[in-house]
């Protein structure tokens, strides 16, 4: 759910993976792992940064 939501929001905002990683101040490899589903438990800090870029709450980001 998290990986699909991030991918959907990223595309909605017309951002590449690299652009999103830079805007969220996370590493490109971290974003790739989250989007691919290989990292299903990112840190709260990472989730906060991603939610901030998309201007959504963390709950919305993770699909709760």
N, C-alpha and C. Protein backbone atom coordinates (compact mmCIF):
# COMPACT_ATOMS: atom_id res chain seq x y z
N UNK A 1 0.81 -1.19 0.00
CA UNK A 1 0.00 0.00 0.00
C UNK A 1 0.86 1.27 0.00
N UNK A 2 1.86 1.31 0.89
CA UNK A 2 2.74 2.47 0.96
C UNK A 2 3.44 2.71 -0.37
N UNK A 3 4.00 1.66 -0.94
CA UNK A 3 4.74 1.82 -2.20
C UNK A 3 3.83 2.33 -3.31
N UNK A 4 2.62 1.80 -3.40
CA UNK A 4 1.67 2.22 -4.44
C UNK A 4 1.24 3.67 -4.22
N UNK A 5 1.01 4.04 -2.97
CA UNK A 5 0.59 5.42 -2.67
C UNK A 5 1.67 6.42 -3.02
N UNK A 6 2.90 6.10 -2.69
CA UNK A 6 4.00 7.02 -3.00
C UNK A 6 4.16 7.16 -4.51
N UNK A 7 4.11 6.05 -5.20
CA UNK A 7 4.24 6.08 -6.66
C UNK A 7 3.11 6.90 -7.28
N UNK A 8 1.89 6.70 -6.80
CA UNK A 8 0.73 7.43 -7.33
C UNK A 8 0.87 8.93 -7.08
N UNK A 9 1.25 9.29 -5.86
CA UNK A 9 1.42 10.71 -5.53
C UNK A 9 2.57 11.33 -6.32
N UNK A 10 3.64 10.57 -6.48
CA UNK A 10 4.79 11.09 -7.23
C UNK A 10 4.40 11.39 -8.67
N UNK A 11 3.64 10.48 -9.27
CA UNK A 11 3.21 10.69 -10.66
C UNK A 11 2.20 11.83 -10.75
N UNK A 12 1.32 11.93 -9.76
CA UNK A 12 0.33 13.02 -9.72
C UNK A 12 1.02 14.38 -9.68
N UNK A 13 2.15 14.45 -8.99
CA UNK A 13 2.91 15.69 -8.87
C UNK A 13 3.97 15.83 -9.96
N UNK A 14 3.95 14.93 -10.93
CA UNK A 14 4.89 14.97 -12.06
C UNK A 14 6.35 15.03 -11.62
N UNK A 15 6.70 14.16 -10.68
CA UNK A 15 8.07 14.11 -10.19
C UNK A 15 8.72 12.79 -10.59
N UNK A 16 9.98 12.85 -10.96
CA UNK A 16 10.74 11.62 -11.17
C UNK A 16 11.15 11.11 -9.79
N UNK A 17 11.63 9.90 -9.74
CA UNK A 17 12.10 9.36 -8.47
C UNK A 17 13.25 10.19 -7.94
N UNK A 18 14.14 10.59 -8.81
CA UNK A 18 15.28 11.40 -8.40
C UNK A 18 14.84 12.76 -7.86
N UNK A 19 13.87 13.38 -8.53
CA UNK A 19 13.37 14.68 -8.07
C UNK A 19 12.71 14.57 -6.70
N UNK A 20 11.91 13.51 -6.51
CA UNK A 20 11.24 13.32 -5.23
C UNK A 20 12.26 13.09 -4.11
N UNK A 21 13.25 12.28 -4.38
CA UNK A 21 14.27 12.01 -3.37
C UNK A 21 14.97 13.31 -2.95
N UNK A 22 15.28 14.16 -3.91
CA UNK A 22 15.94 15.43 -3.60
C UNK A 22 15.02 16.34 -2.80
N UNK A 23 13.75 16.45 -3.23
CA UNK A 23 12.80 17.32 -2.53
C UNK A 23 12.56 16.85 -1.11
N UNK A 24 12.53 15.54 -0.90
CA UNK A 24 12.27 14.98 0.42
C UNK A 24 13.54 14.86 1.25
N UNK A 25 14.67 15.13 0.65
CA UNK A 25 15.96 15.03 1.32
C UNK A 25 16.20 13.62 1.87
N UNK A 26 15.92 12.64 0.99
CA UNK A 26 16.22 11.24 1.30
C UNK A 26 17.08 10.71 0.16
N UNK A 27 17.75 9.60 0.38
CA UNK A 27 18.59 9.08 -0.69
C UNK A 27 17.73 8.45 -1.78
N UNK A 28 18.24 8.50 -2.97
CA UNK A 28 17.56 7.90 -4.12
C UNK A 28 17.34 6.41 -3.88
N UNK A 29 18.34 5.74 -3.32
CA UNK A 29 18.22 4.30 -3.09
C UNK A 29 17.12 3.98 -2.07
N UNK A 30 16.96 4.83 -1.07
CA UNK A 30 15.88 4.63 -0.09
C UNK A 30 14.53 4.72 -0.79
N UNK A 31 14.36 5.72 -1.63
CA UNK A 31 13.09 5.87 -2.34
C UNK A 31 12.82 4.68 -3.24
N UNK A 32 13.84 4.22 -3.95
CA UNK A 32 13.68 3.06 -4.84
C UNK A 32 13.23 1.84 -4.03
N UNK A 33 13.85 1.64 -2.88
CA UNK A 33 13.49 0.48 -2.03
C UNK A 33 12.06 0.59 -1.53
N UNK A 34 11.64 1.79 -1.16
CA UNK A 34 10.26 1.97 -0.67
C UNK A 34 9.27 1.74 -1.81
N UNK A 35 9.51 2.36 -2.95
CA UNK A 35 8.59 2.23 -4.08
C UNK A 35 8.51 0.81 -4.62
N UNK A 36 9.59 0.08 -4.54
CA UNK A 36 9.59 -1.28 -5.06
C UNK A 36 9.04 -2.28 -4.05
N UNK A 37 8.81 -1.81 -2.82
CA UNK A 37 8.27 -2.69 -1.79
C UNK A 37 9.34 -3.45 -1.02
N UNK A 38 10.61 -3.17 -1.29
CA UNK A 38 11.70 -3.84 -0.58
C UNK A 38 11.92 -3.26 0.81
N UNK A 39 11.48 -2.03 1.02
CA UNK A 39 11.55 -1.41 2.35
C UNK A 39 10.12 -1.10 2.76
N UNK A 40 9.54 -1.99 3.55
CA UNK A 40 8.15 -1.82 3.96
C UNK A 40 8.03 -1.14 5.32
N UNK A 41 9.16 -0.79 5.91
CA UNK A 41 9.15 -0.17 7.23
C UNK A 41 10.15 1.00 7.28
N UNK A 42 9.90 2.06 6.48
CA UNK A 42 10.82 3.20 6.50
C UNK A 42 10.73 3.93 7.84
N UNK A 43 11.72 4.72 8.13
CA UNK A 43 11.73 5.47 9.39
C UNK A 43 10.63 6.52 9.40
N UNK A 44 10.26 6.93 10.59
CA UNK A 44 9.25 7.98 10.74
C UNK A 44 9.74 9.26 10.09
N UNK A 45 11.02 9.54 10.21
CA UNK A 45 11.60 10.74 9.61
C UNK A 45 11.42 10.71 8.09
N UNK A 46 11.67 9.57 7.48
CA UNK A 46 11.50 9.44 6.02
C UNK A 46 10.04 9.64 5.64
N UNK A 47 9.14 9.04 6.39
CA UNK A 47 7.71 9.20 6.10
C UNK A 47 7.27 10.66 6.24
N UNK A 48 7.78 11.34 7.26
CA UNK A 48 7.44 12.75 7.46
C UNK A 48 7.93 13.61 6.29
N UNK A 49 9.12 13.32 5.83
CA UNK A 49 9.68 14.08 4.71
C UNK A 49 8.87 13.87 3.44
N UNK A 50 8.49 12.63 3.17
CA UNK A 50 7.69 12.34 1.98
C UNK A 50 6.30 12.97 2.08
N UNK A 51 5.68 12.85 3.24
CA UNK A 51 4.36 13.43 3.45
C UNK A 51 4.41 14.95 3.27
N UNK A 52 5.47 15.55 3.73
CA UNK A 52 5.63 17.00 3.61
C UNK A 52 5.71 17.44 2.15
N UNK A 53 6.42 16.70 1.34
CA UNK A 53 6.53 17.03 -0.09
C UNK A 53 5.15 17.01 -0.75
N UNK A 54 4.36 16.00 -0.40
CA UNK A 54 3.05 15.84 -1.02
C UNK A 54 1.95 16.62 -0.30
N UNK A 55 2.28 17.22 0.85
CA UNK A 55 1.33 17.97 1.65
C UNK A 55 0.14 17.10 2.07
N UNK A 56 0.48 15.90 2.56
CA UNK A 56 -0.52 14.98 3.09
C UNK A 56 -0.08 14.53 4.47
N UNK A 57 -1.01 13.93 5.22
CA UNK A 57 -0.66 13.37 6.52
C UNK A 57 -0.02 12.01 6.31
N UNK A 58 0.78 11.60 7.27
CA UNK A 58 1.45 10.29 7.18
C UNK A 58 0.42 9.18 7.03
N UNK A 59 -0.71 9.30 7.73
CA UNK A 59 -1.77 8.29 7.61
C UNK A 59 -2.22 8.11 6.18
N UNK A 60 -2.36 9.22 5.47
CA UNK A 60 -2.77 9.13 4.06
C UNK A 60 -1.68 8.48 3.22
N UNK A 61 -0.46 8.79 3.54
CA UNK A 61 0.68 8.25 2.80
C UNK A 61 0.74 6.73 2.93
N UNK A 62 0.53 6.22 4.14
CA UNK A 62 0.63 4.79 4.35
C UNK A 62 -0.68 4.07 4.10
N UNK A 63 -1.75 4.83 3.85
CA UNK A 63 -3.01 4.21 3.47
C UNK A 63 -3.90 3.80 4.63
N UNK A 64 -3.84 4.53 5.73
CA UNK A 64 -4.69 4.22 6.88
C UNK A 64 -5.91 5.10 6.90
